[in-house]
Amino acid sequence: MFYFLIVIAVLLLGYAAVLVSFVRRGKKIPPVAYLALAGLNGLLLAAVLAWAVSR
């Protein structure tokens, strides 16, 4: 489960880096990107809570 948390966290950081690069290039972030970012955050939060409860 710990490795799953690390993978999700790395995906989240990578996705955030892509969004930051969009902003730096002057492009607007599509609204769907915010939904995907919220989904990854929710998945990470749910995984952390599940891991904490199982310990």
C-alpha atoms as a PDB file:
ATOM      1  CA  MET A   1       0.000   0.000   0.000  1.00  0.00           C
ATOM      2  CA  PHE A   2       2.900   2.319   0.749  1.00  0.00           C
ATOM      3  CA  TYR A   3       4.229   1.989  -2.800  1.00  0.00           C
ATOM      4  CA  PHE A   4       0.765   2.776  -4.154  1.00  0.00           C
ATOM      5  CA  LEU A   5       0.812   6.011  -2.141  1.00  0.00           C
ATOM      6  CA  ILE A   6       4.196   6.921  -3.555  1.00  0.00           C
ATOM      7  CA  VAL A   7       3.027   6.256  -7.120  1.00  0.00           C
ATOM      8  CA  ILE A   8      -0.084   8.417  -6.667  1.00  0.00           C
ATOM      9  CA  ALA A   9       1.977  11.210  -5.106  1.00  0.00           C
ATOM     10  CA  VAL A  10       4.464  11.150  -7.996  1.00  0.00           C
ATOM     11  CA  LEU A  11       1.601  11.229 -10.520  1.00  0.00           C
ATOM     12  CA  LEU A  12       0.093  14.185  -8.698  1.00  0.00           C
ATOM     13  CA  LEU A  13       3.386  16.078  -8.694  1.00  0.00           C
ATOM     14  CA  GLY A  14       3.957  15.343 -12.367  1.00  0.00           C
ATOM     15  CA  TYR A  15       0.469  16.490 -13.301  1.00  0.00           C
ATOM     16  CA  ALA A  16       0.900  19.670 -11.277  1.00  0.00           C
ATOM     17  CA  ALA A  17       4.210  20.315 -13.062  1.00  0.00           C
ATOM     18  CA  VAL A  18       2.461  20.004 -16.429  1.00  0.00           C
ATOM     19  CA  LEU A  19      -0.171  22.508 -15.331  1.00  0.00           C
ATOM     20  CA  VAL A  20       2.506  24.916 -14.097  1.00  0.00           C
ATOM     21  CA  SER A  21       4.274  24.667 -17.444  1.00  0.00           C
ATOM     22  CA  PHE A  22       0.985  25.577 -19.169  1.00  0.00           C
ATOM     23  CA  VAL A  23       0.685  28.677 -17.018  1.00  0.00           C
ATOM     24  CA  ARG A  24       4.301  29.705 -17.624  1.00  0.00           C
ATOM     25  CA  ARG A  25       3.772  29.468 -21.376  1.00  0.00           C
ATOM     26  CA  GLY A  26       0.745  31.728 -21.088  1.00  0.00           C
ATOM     27  CA  LYS A  27      -1.811  29.060 -21.943  1.00  0.00           C
ATOM     28  CA  LYS A  28      -5.062  28.782 -20.055  1.00  0.00           C
ATOM     29  CA  ILE A  29      -5.629  25.650 -18.033  1.00  0.00           C
ATOM     30  CA  PRO A  30      -8.685  23.752 -19.293  1.00  0.00           C
ATOM     31  CA  PRO A  31     -11.498  23.364 -16.741  1.00  0.00           C
ATOM     32  CA  VAL A  32     -11.261  19.573 -16.984  1.00  0.00           C
ATOM     33  CA  ALA A  33      -7.704  19.810 -15.652  1.00  0.00           C
ATOM     34  CA  TYR A  34      -9.001  21.112 -12.339  1.00  0.00           C
ATOM     35  CA  LEU A  35     -11.382  18.154 -12.117  1.00  0.00           C
ATOM     36  CA  ALA A  36      -8.553  15.707 -12.818  1.00  0.00           C
ATOM     37  CA  LEU A  37      -6.361  17.416 -10.215  1.00  0.00           C
ATOM     38  CA  ALA A  38      -9.158  17.191  -7.647  1.00  0.00           C
ATOM     39  CA  GLY A  39      -9.634  13.522  -8.518  1.00  0.00           C
ATOM     40  CA  LEU A  40      -5.966  12.729  -7.979  1.00  0.00           C
ATOM     41  CA  ASN A  41      -5.991  14.640  -4.689  1.00  0.00           C
ATOM     42  CA  GLY A  42      -9.084  12.732  -3.574  1.00  0.00           C
ATOM     43  CA  LEU A  43      -7.518   9.412  -4.534  1.00  0.00           C
ATOM     44  CA  LEU A  44      -4.375  10.254  -2.593  1.00  0.00           C
ATOM     45  CA  LEU A  45      -6.373  11.345   0.447  1.00  0.00           C
ATOM     46  CA  ALA A  46      -8.522   8.207   0.365  1.00  0.00           C
ATOM     47  CA  ALA A  47      -5.432   6.008   0.037  1.00  0.00           C
ATOM     48  CA  VAL A  48      -3.694   7.733   2.949  1.00  0.00           C
ATOM     49  CA  LEU A  49      -6.777   7.362   5.137  1.00  0.00           C
ATOM     50  CA  ALA A  50      -7.162   3.687   4.203  1.00  0.00           C
ATOM     51  CA  TRP A  51      -3.498   3.070   4.915  1.00  0.00           C
ATOM     52  CA  ALA A  52      -3.709   4.860   8.287  1.00  0.00           C
ATOM     53  CA  VAL A  53      -6.823   2.947   9.337  1.00  0.00           C
ATOM     54  CA  SER A  54      -5.323  -0.404   8.352  1.00  0.00           C
ATOM     55  CA  ARG A  55      -2.246   0.135  10.514  1.00  0.00           C
END
